[in-house]
Protein backbone atom coordinates (compact mmCIF):
# COMPACT_ATOMS: atom_id res chain seq x y z
CA MET A 1 12.31 -45.41 25.38
CA PRO A 2 13.90 -42.89 22.94
CA SER A 3 17.64 -43.03 22.40
CA LYS A 4 17.97 -39.45 23.70
CA TRP A 5 16.69 -40.43 27.15
CA LEU A 6 18.82 -43.57 27.18
CA SER A 7 21.94 -41.53 26.56
CA LEU A 8 20.99 -39.08 29.32
CA ILE A 9 20.41 -41.92 31.77
CA LYS A 10 23.78 -43.46 30.91
CA ARG A 11 25.56 -40.13 31.34
CA ALA A 12 23.82 -39.48 34.65
CA SER A 13 24.57 -42.94 35.98
CA LYS A 14 28.29 -42.65 35.12
CA LEU A 15 28.71 -39.29 36.88
CA PRO A 16 29.66 -39.76 40.56
CA PRO A 17 27.23 -37.91 42.85
CA ILE A 18 30.08 -36.28 44.78
CA HIS A 19 31.34 -34.67 41.55
CA LEU A 20 27.87 -33.32 40.79
CA PHE A 21 27.56 -32.04 44.35
CA ARG A 22 30.87 -30.17 44.16
CA ALA A 23 30.06 -28.74 40.74
CA LEU A 24 26.70 -27.41 41.97
CA LEU A 25 28.27 -25.80 45.03
CA ARG A 26 31.02 -24.31 42.88
CA GLU A 27 28.48 -22.65 40.55
CA THR A 28 26.50 -21.21 43.45
CA THR A 29 29.57 -19.26 44.59
CA TYR A 30 29.54 -17.30 41.30
CA LEU A 31 25.88 -16.20 41.38
CA PRO A 32 25.59 -12.39 41.12
CA ASP A 33 23.29 -12.09 44.17
CA SER A 34 24.37 -12.75 47.77
CA ALA A 35 20.91 -13.95 48.84
CA ALA A 36 20.83 -16.40 45.92
CA ARG A 37 24.24 -17.79 46.84
CA LEU A 38 23.16 -18.43 50.42
CA TYR A 39 19.76 -19.93 49.51
CA PHE A 40 21.00 -22.32 46.82
CA ARG A 41 23.90 -23.50 48.95
CA LYS A 42 21.54 -24.48 51.77
CA HIS A 43 19.04 -26.02 49.34
CA ILE A 44 21.63 -28.15 47.54
CA ILE A 45 23.18 -29.41 50.78
CA SER A 46 19.80 -30.33 52.25
CA ARG A 47 18.70 -32.21 49.11
CA PHE A 48 21.93 -34.21 48.88
CA LYS A 49 21.86 -34.97 52.62
CA ALA A 50 18.30 -36.32 52.29
CA TYR A 51 19.51 -38.89 49.72
CA GLN A 52 22.66 -39.86 51.60
CA PRO A 53 22.39 -43.22 53.38
CA ALA A 54 22.42 -42.90 57.14
CA ALA A 55 25.25 -45.47 57.40
CA ARG A 56 27.67 -43.15 55.52
CA SER A 57 26.87 -40.01 57.51
CA LEU A 58 28.31 -38.90 60.81
CA PRO A 59 25.96 -38.64 63.78
CA SER A 60 24.76 -35.19 64.78
CA TRP A 61 26.63 -35.25 68.12
CA GLU A 62 29.97 -35.53 66.26
CA THR A 63 29.31 -32.91 63.61
CA GLY A 64 27.51 -30.49 65.93
CA THR A 65 24.88 -29.71 63.29
CA LYS A 66 21.16 -30.34 63.10
CA PRO A 67 20.42 -33.82 61.67
CA TYR A 68 18.84 -33.87 58.22
CA LYS A 69 15.72 -35.76 57.32
CA ARG A 70 16.90 -38.82 55.41
CA LEU A 71 14.89 -41.03 53.10
CA ARG A 72 14.61 -44.79 53.28
CA PRO A 73 17.21 -46.88 51.39
CA TYR A 74 14.75 -48.35 48.88
CA ILE A 75 13.49 -44.85 48.00
CA ILE A 76 17.07 -43.70 47.41
CA ARG A 77 17.71 -46.65 45.06
CA GLU A 78 14.52 -45.99 43.07
CA ARG A 79 15.11 -42.26 42.63
CA ALA A 80 18.90 -42.17 42.27
CA ILE A 81 19.17 -41.96 38.46
CA LYS A 82 16.24 -39.56 38.11
CA LYS A 83 17.63 -37.23 40.76
CA GLN A 84 21.07 -37.25 39.14
CA MET A 85 19.46 -36.18 35.86
CA GLU A 86 17.66 -33.37 37.67
CA GLY A 87 20.95 -32.36 39.28
CA ARG A 88 22.69 -32.14 35.89
CA LYS A 89 19.83 -30.02 34.59
CA ALA A 90 20.09 -27.73 37.62
CA LEU A 91 23.84 -27.44 37.04
CA THR A 92 23.19 -26.30 33.46
CA VAL A 93 20.69 -23.69 34.69
CA LEU A 94 23.21 -22.30 37.20
CA ARG A 95 25.98 -22.19 34.61
CA ARG A 96 23.74 -20.37 32.14
CA ALA A 97 22.69 -17.93 34.87
CA ASN A 98 26.32 -17.15 35.67
CA ASN A 99 27.01 -16.62 31.95
CA GLY A 100 24.29 -13.96 31.74
CA ASP A 101 21.30 -15.92 30.41
CA ILE A 102 18.25 -13.76 31.22
CA SER A 103 15.67 -16.52 31.64
CA CYS A 104 17.92 -18.69 33.86
CA LEU A 105 19.10 -15.81 36.02
CA GLU A 106 15.51 -14.62 36.51
CA LYS A 107 14.53 -18.18 37.45
CA VAL A 108 17.30 -18.23 40.06
CA LEU A 109 16.05 -14.96 41.57
CA LEU A 110 12.43 -16.15 41.56
CA HIS A 111 13.47 -19.24 43.52
CA THR A 112 15.54 -17.16 45.92
CA TYR A 113 12.80 -14.68 46.77
CA GLY A 114 10.02 -17.27 47.04
CA ARG A 115 8.02 -16.61 43.88
CA ILE A 116 8.36 -20.22 42.74
CA GLY A 117 9.72 -23.43 44.19
CA LYS A 118 10.10 -24.71 47.71
CA ARG A 119 10.53 -21.35 49.44
CA ARG A 120 7.22 -20.12 48.05
CA HIS A 121 5.43 -22.95 49.88
CA GLU A 122 7.33 -22.14 53.06
CA LEU A 123 6.29 -18.47 52.90
CA LEU A 124 2.74 -19.47 52.01
CA GLY A 125 2.54 -21.60 55.16
CA HIS A 126 2.82 -18.46 57.32
CA LEU A 127 -0.36 -17.07 55.72
CA LEU A 128 -2.35 -20.22 56.47
CA LYS A 129 -1.98 -19.92 60.24
CA ALA A 130 -4.97 -18.63 62.17
CA GLU A 131 -4.31 -15.58 64.33
CA VAL A 132 -5.31 -15.70 68.00
CA PRO A 133 -5.53 -12.53 70.17
CA ALA A 134 -2.18 -12.29 71.94
CA ASP A 135 -3.57 -10.45 74.98
CA SER A 136 -6.25 -13.03 75.68
CA ILE A 137 -4.87 -16.10 77.40
CA THR A 138 -8.32 -17.49 78.14
CA VAL A 139 -9.35 -17.48 74.49
CA GLU A 140 -6.14 -19.23 73.47
CA ALA A 141 -6.56 -21.86 76.14
CA MET A 142 -10.19 -22.34 75.12
CA LEU A 143 -9.23 -22.87 71.49
CA LYS A 144 -6.60 -25.42 72.44
CA SER A 145 -8.91 -27.39 74.71
CA TYR A 146 -11.87 -27.41 72.35
CA ALA A 147 -9.93 -27.66 69.08
CA ALA A 148 -11.32 -31.14 68.43
CA LEU A 149 -14.93 -29.98 68.94
CA LEU A 150 -14.83 -26.71 67.05
CA LYS A 151 -15.29 -26.74 63.27
CA ALA A 152 -15.45 -24.05 60.63
CA PRO A 153 -18.88 -23.07 59.28
CA LEU A 154 -18.34 -24.71 55.90
CA GLN A 155 -17.04 -27.90 57.50
CA GLN A 156 -20.24 -28.15 59.50
CA LEU A 157 -22.45 -27.18 56.58
CA TYR A 158 -20.89 -29.57 54.08
CA HIS A 159 -20.18 -32.40 56.58
CA SER A 160 -16.51 -32.55 55.60
CA ASP A 161 -13.17 -32.34 57.41
CA LYS A 162 -11.30 -30.83 54.45
CA THR A 163 -8.73 -28.33 55.67
CA ALA A 164 -9.41 -25.96 52.78
CA LEU A 165 -13.00 -25.42 53.98
CA SER A 166 -11.78 -24.00 57.29
CA PHE A 167 -10.47 -20.84 55.60
CA PHE A 168 -13.94 -19.63 54.54
CA THR A 169 -16.90 -18.04 56.29
CA ALA A 170 -20.49 -19.20 55.97
CA PRO A 171 -22.09 -18.55 52.54
CA ARG A 172 -23.77 -15.17 52.15
CA LYS A 173 -26.64 -14.61 49.75
CA ILE A 174 -25.87 -11.71 47.39
CA SER A 175 -28.74 -12.20 44.92
CA LYS A 176 -31.62 -14.51 44.20
CA THR A 177 -29.38 -16.89 42.28
CA GLU A 178 -25.89 -16.64 43.86
CA TYR A 179 -24.02 -17.26 47.09
CA GLU A 180 -20.73 -15.64 48.09
CA TYR A 181 -17.87 -17.15 50.15
CA GLU A 182 -15.13 -15.00 51.69
CA ILE A 183 -11.89 -15.74 53.49
CA SER A 184 -12.50 -15.84 57.24
CA ASN A 185 -11.36 -12.98 59.48
CA LYS A 186 -9.24 -15.52 61.38
CA TYR A 187 -6.78 -15.29 58.47
CA PRO A 188 -6.39 -11.50 57.97
CA LYS A 189 -2.98 -11.76 56.26
CA LEU A 190 -4.21 -14.22 53.65
CA LYS A 191 -7.33 -12.15 53.06
CA ALA A 192 -5.34 -8.93 52.64
CA VAL A 193 -2.81 -10.46 50.21
CA ILE A 194 -5.50 -12.03 47.99
CA LYS A 195 -7.52 -8.80 47.79
CA SER A 196 -4.45 -6.69 47.07
CA GLN A 197 -3.09 -9.03 44.40
CA GLN A 198 -6.47 -9.21 42.69
CA SER A 199 -6.97 -5.43 42.74
CA ILE A 200 -3.64 -4.49 41.14
CA SER A 201 -3.44 -7.53 38.82
CA VAL A 202 0.11 -8.64 39.63
CA HIS A 203 1.45 -10.78 36.80
CA ASN A 204 3.53 -13.84 37.55
CA PRO A 205 5.54 -15.18 34.58
CA VAL A 206 4.94 -18.76 35.78
CA ARG A 207 1.27 -18.50 36.77
CA SER A 208 -1.75 -16.59 35.48
CA ILE A 209 -3.30 -13.46 37.01
CA LEU A 210 -5.53 -13.78 40.07
CA ARG A 211 -8.98 -12.78 38.81
CA ALA A 212 -11.27 -13.05 41.86
CA SER A 213 -10.84 -12.65 45.61
CA LYS A 214 -14.16 -14.32 46.52
CA VAL A 215 -16.04 -17.46 45.58
CA VAL A 216 -19.36 -16.89 43.80
CA ALA A 217 -21.49 -20.03 43.39
CA PRO A 218 -25.04 -20.56 42.11
CA ILE A 219 -27.78 -21.41 44.57
CA LYS A 220 -29.60 -23.81 42.24
CA ASN A 221 -28.51 -26.13 39.48
CA ILE A 222 -29.63 -26.11 35.84
CA TRP A 223 -32.84 -27.96 36.77
CA ALA A 224 -33.77 -25.18 39.23
CA ARG A 225 -33.21 -27.49 42.19
CA PRO A 226 -31.07 -26.79 45.28
CA MET A 227 -27.38 -27.30 44.63
CA ALA A 228 -26.05 -30.66 45.79
CA ILE A 229 -23.73 -30.51 48.79
CA LYS A 230 -20.98 -32.38 47.00
CA ARG A 231 -20.95 -30.02 44.04
CA ALA A 232 -21.09 -26.91 46.23
CA ARG A 233 -18.14 -28.25 48.22
CA ASN A 234 -16.18 -28.98 45.05
CA ILE A 235 -16.74 -25.43 43.75
CA VAL A 236 -15.12 -24.00 46.89
CA LEU A 237 -12.27 -26.52 46.84
CA ARG A 238 -11.57 -25.89 43.15
CA TRP A 239 -11.39 -22.12 43.72
CA TYR A 240 -9.11 -22.59 46.72
CA LYS A 241 -6.72 -24.82 44.75
CA SER A 242 -6.47 -22.46 41.77
CA THR A 243 -6.06 -19.42 44.03
CA MET A 244 -3.30 -20.94 46.14
CA GLU A 245 -1.38 -21.70 42.94
CA LYS A 246 -1.49 -18.00 41.99
CA VAL A 247 -0.99 -16.30 45.35
CA LEU A 248 2.38 -14.56 45.79
CA PRO A 249 3.19 -14.73 49.53
CA PRO A 250 4.82 -11.71 51.22
CA LEU A 251 8.52 -11.57 51.92
CA PRO A 252 10.01 -10.69 55.31
CA ASN A 253 10.27 -6.92 55.64
CA HIS A 254 14.07 -6.79 55.66
CA GLU A 255 14.31 -8.91 52.49
CA TRP A 256 11.68 -6.83 50.71
CA ASP A 257 13.42 -3.58 51.66
CA ARG A 258 16.75 -4.87 50.35
CA LEU A 259 15.23 -6.10 47.07
CA TYR A 260 13.33 -2.84 46.58
CA GLY A 261 16.48 -0.85 47.29
CA LEU A 262 18.46 -2.86 44.72
CA ALA A 263 15.74 -2.36 42.10
CA ALA A 264 15.42 1.36 42.81
CA GLY A 265 19.17 1.92 42.92
CA ASN A 266 19.22 3.03 46.55
CA ILE A 267 21.39 0.04 47.52
CA ALA A 268 24.56 -0.62 45.56
CA TRP A 269 24.89 -3.97 43.83
CA GLU A 270 27.81 -5.98 45.24
CA GLY A 271 29.14 -6.89 41.79
CA LEU A 272 30.40 -10.10 40.23
CA ILE A 273 32.73 -12.60 41.88
CA PRO A 274 35.73 -13.37 39.63
CA ARG A 275 36.12 -16.98 38.66
CA ARG A 276 39.00 -18.90 40.14
CA PRO A 277 41.61 -20.28 37.72
CA VAL A 278 41.14 -23.82 36.46
CA GLY A 279 43.41 -26.37 38.07
CA THR A 280 46.18 -28.06 36.07
CA ASP A 281 47.88 -31.42 36.29
CA ARG A 282 51.44 -30.67 37.42
CA SER A 283 52.70 -34.20 36.77
CA GLN A 284 52.04 -33.88 33.04
CA THR A 285 53.62 -30.44 32.79
CA GLN A 286 56.76 -31.52 34.65
CA ARG A 287 57.13 -34.61 32.49
CA LEU A 288 56.54 -33.01 29.10
CA GLY A 289 57.47 -29.39 29.82
CA ASP A 290 55.73 -26.49 28.08
CA SER A 291 55.50 -28.31 24.79
CA TYR A 292 52.54 -28.27 22.44
CA LEU A 293 51.70 -31.88 23.35
CA ALA A 294 51.37 -31.00 27.05
CA ARG A 295 48.96 -28.18 26.33
CA GLN A 296 46.86 -30.43 24.10
CA ILE A 297 46.60 -33.08 26.81
CA LEU A 298 45.43 -30.53 29.35
CA GLU A 299 42.88 -28.97 26.99
CA ASN A 300 41.44 -32.35 26.01
CA GLY A 301 41.13 -33.38 29.64
CA LEU A 302 39.36 -30.20 30.73
CA THR A 303 36.77 -30.06 27.92
CA PHE A 304 33.60 -32.15 27.47
CA LYS A 305 33.22 -34.45 24.49
CA THR A 306 29.63 -33.26 23.98
CA PRO A 307 29.24 -29.62 25.12
CA SER A 308 26.12 -28.77 27.08
CA PHE A 309 23.59 -26.07 26.29
CA ALA A 310 25.39 -23.74 28.69
CA ASP A 311 28.51 -23.87 26.48
CA VAL A 312 26.64 -23.46 23.18
CA PRO A 313 23.88 -20.90 23.93
CA ARG A 314 21.50 -19.62 21.29
CA GLY A 315 18.22 -17.80 20.90
CA LYS A 316 17.02 -14.50 22.32
CA ASP A 317 18.20 -15.42 25.84
CA ARG A 318 21.84 -15.66 24.80
CA PRO A 319 24.44 -14.61 27.39
CA HIS A 320 24.67 -10.93 28.22
CA ASN A 321 27.27 -9.00 30.12
CA ILE A 322 26.12 -8.89 33.74
CA THR A 323 26.35 -5.21 34.58
CA LYS A 324 24.83 -2.95 37.23
CA ARG A 325 22.07 -1.85 34.84
CA PHE A 326 21.36 -5.44 33.79
CA MET A 327 20.93 -6.58 37.40
CA ARG A 328 18.83 -3.56 38.34
CA ARG A 329 16.33 -4.39 35.60
CA LEU A 330 16.13 -7.99 36.76
CA TYR A 331 15.67 -6.88 40.36
CA ALA A 332 12.84 -4.57 39.24
CA ARG A 333 11.05 -7.44 37.44
CA VAL A 334 11.30 -9.66 40.49
CA SER A 335 10.42 -6.87 42.92
CA ALA A 336 7.18 -6.17 41.03
CA GLN A 337 6.01 -9.65 42.08
CA CYS A 338 6.99 -9.29 45.75
CA CYS A 339 5.08 -7.67 48.59
CA LYS A 340 5.40 -7.05 52.31
CA LEU A 341 2.85 -6.75 55.12
CA THR A 342 2.77 -3.84 57.56
CA TRP A 343 0.32 -3.36 60.42
CA ASP A 344 -1.70 -0.14 60.35
CA PRO A 345 -2.50 0.77 64.00
CA ILE A 346 -5.06 3.42 62.99
CA ARG A 347 -7.17 1.23 60.70
CA LYS A 348 -6.17 -1.94 62.57
CA THR A 349 -5.63 -3.83 59.34
CA TRP A 350 -2.74 -5.31 57.39
CA GLN A 351 -1.48 -3.11 54.56
CA VAL A 352 0.12 -4.78 51.51
CA GLU A 353 2.87 -2.94 49.64
CA TRP A 354 4.12 -4.10 46.24
CA GLY A 355 7.34 -3.20 44.44
CA SER A 356 5.70 -1.99 41.25
CA LEU A 357 7.66 -1.28 38.08
CA LYS A 358 5.66 1.92 37.52
CA LYS A 359 6.74 3.20 40.90
CA LEU A 360 10.37 2.27 40.32
CA ASN A 361 10.68 3.52 36.72
CA PRO A 362 8.20 6.38 36.23
CA ARG A 363 7.91 7.68 32.70
CA PRO A 364 8.27 11.43 32.22
CA PHE A 365 5.06 12.94 30.85
CA SER A 366 6.41 16.43 30.19
CA VAL A 367 9.73 17.77 29.01
CA PRO A 368 10.72 21.41 29.31
CA VAL A 369 10.75 22.97 25.81
CA ASP A 370 11.11 26.56 24.70
CA ASN A 371 7.87 28.35 23.89
CA PHE A 372 8.87 29.40 20.39
CA VAL A 373 8.63 25.77 19.21
CA PHE A 374 4.83 25.82 19.59
CA GLU A 375 4.18 29.35 18.41
CA GLY A 376 1.49 29.64 15.74
CA VAL A 377 -0.33 26.36 16.58
CA ASN A 378 -3.32 25.60 18.79
CA SER A 379 -3.71 22.94 21.50
CA LYS A 380 -4.36 20.27 18.84
CA GLY A 381 -1.18 21.08 16.94
CA LYS A 382 -2.87 22.74 13.97
CA LEU A 383 -1.81 26.06 12.50
CA ILE A 384 -3.76 29.08 13.65
CA GLN A 385 -5.50 30.79 10.72
CA THR A 386 -5.09 34.54 10.80
CA LEU A 387 -7.71 36.90 9.31
CA SER A 388 -6.44 38.53 6.17
CA THR A 389 -7.14 42.25 5.55
CA PRO A 390 -9.75 42.96 2.81
CA ARG A 391 -8.52 44.33 -0.54
CA GLY A 392 -9.16 47.90 -1.65
């Protein structure tokens, strides 16, 4: 193992977890977005509670809170050092974000609004739920009673119980050599989001662009024989896996409206939270007074021996002053990757609305200019040749 990793492991093992927990919560209070402060506080508490032994925690009936899902003791022992290293790395990211690092602050906002990370999977889970007619109790009861007997068309065709196959309809022949698979109408939200994201080519800085909204597979193989069932099934599964990694799930309507308002300038940014003063050791100051030695002791105790990357930034993403204009640009970049779903009662379909940068920051195509500036030139900008009078 390289010496660099050994030193990181030693540093992580020496740091008490409670100190890391307090430092992470302290940095979340200084984030320049209220939604980010709330999300990261809940996320950090839930992750630390999961790795806290059950013997050291109070029962739920004493605390009055919902009990957290805790891991087994041997899993906690195996992952302790690795998770402490990840916690130190997360602390550095939060500190750099609070100092105005563009990449880290954008990463914090992407986690908050579900473009990457755990919340993205939670929002994606809402799209993967089949919709049942709400006004039909008999249909709902029938689906519940015969859920074990009913299977999707592809599950029956390919003799497989893979969950991914249940999201597709039966293959449709579009030419002599190709089949086409579409998302089933039982999942209208998922179908609408995939088609909309593919049509406008939304770019995600973490993932590539979604190129296709349907699966197109050959009917026969290279030997002009019918395609094997296993290979046809793998083509559909491979497309489903790559597509789910690129799909940007919709936000709740109230969150999308707030984010769009912050990006457009319709909602005022709440501003920065001033940092609290650093604590001092009163025993040393009372003993030594305001002498130079007392100040040196305090400074040496409050500084790290080896400064982290957050203290010595460099590169193009160096710290910037977090201003209203700076945050509005970041909100616009994040809003361009977010969408919301609205039901259209006339068309009876789900409409997808994106927070596009072009819509938020339109470029002026014409500027009012006096007419005398363009006198004597044609539409191409060339001088107009006048006919000269003949001599004599």
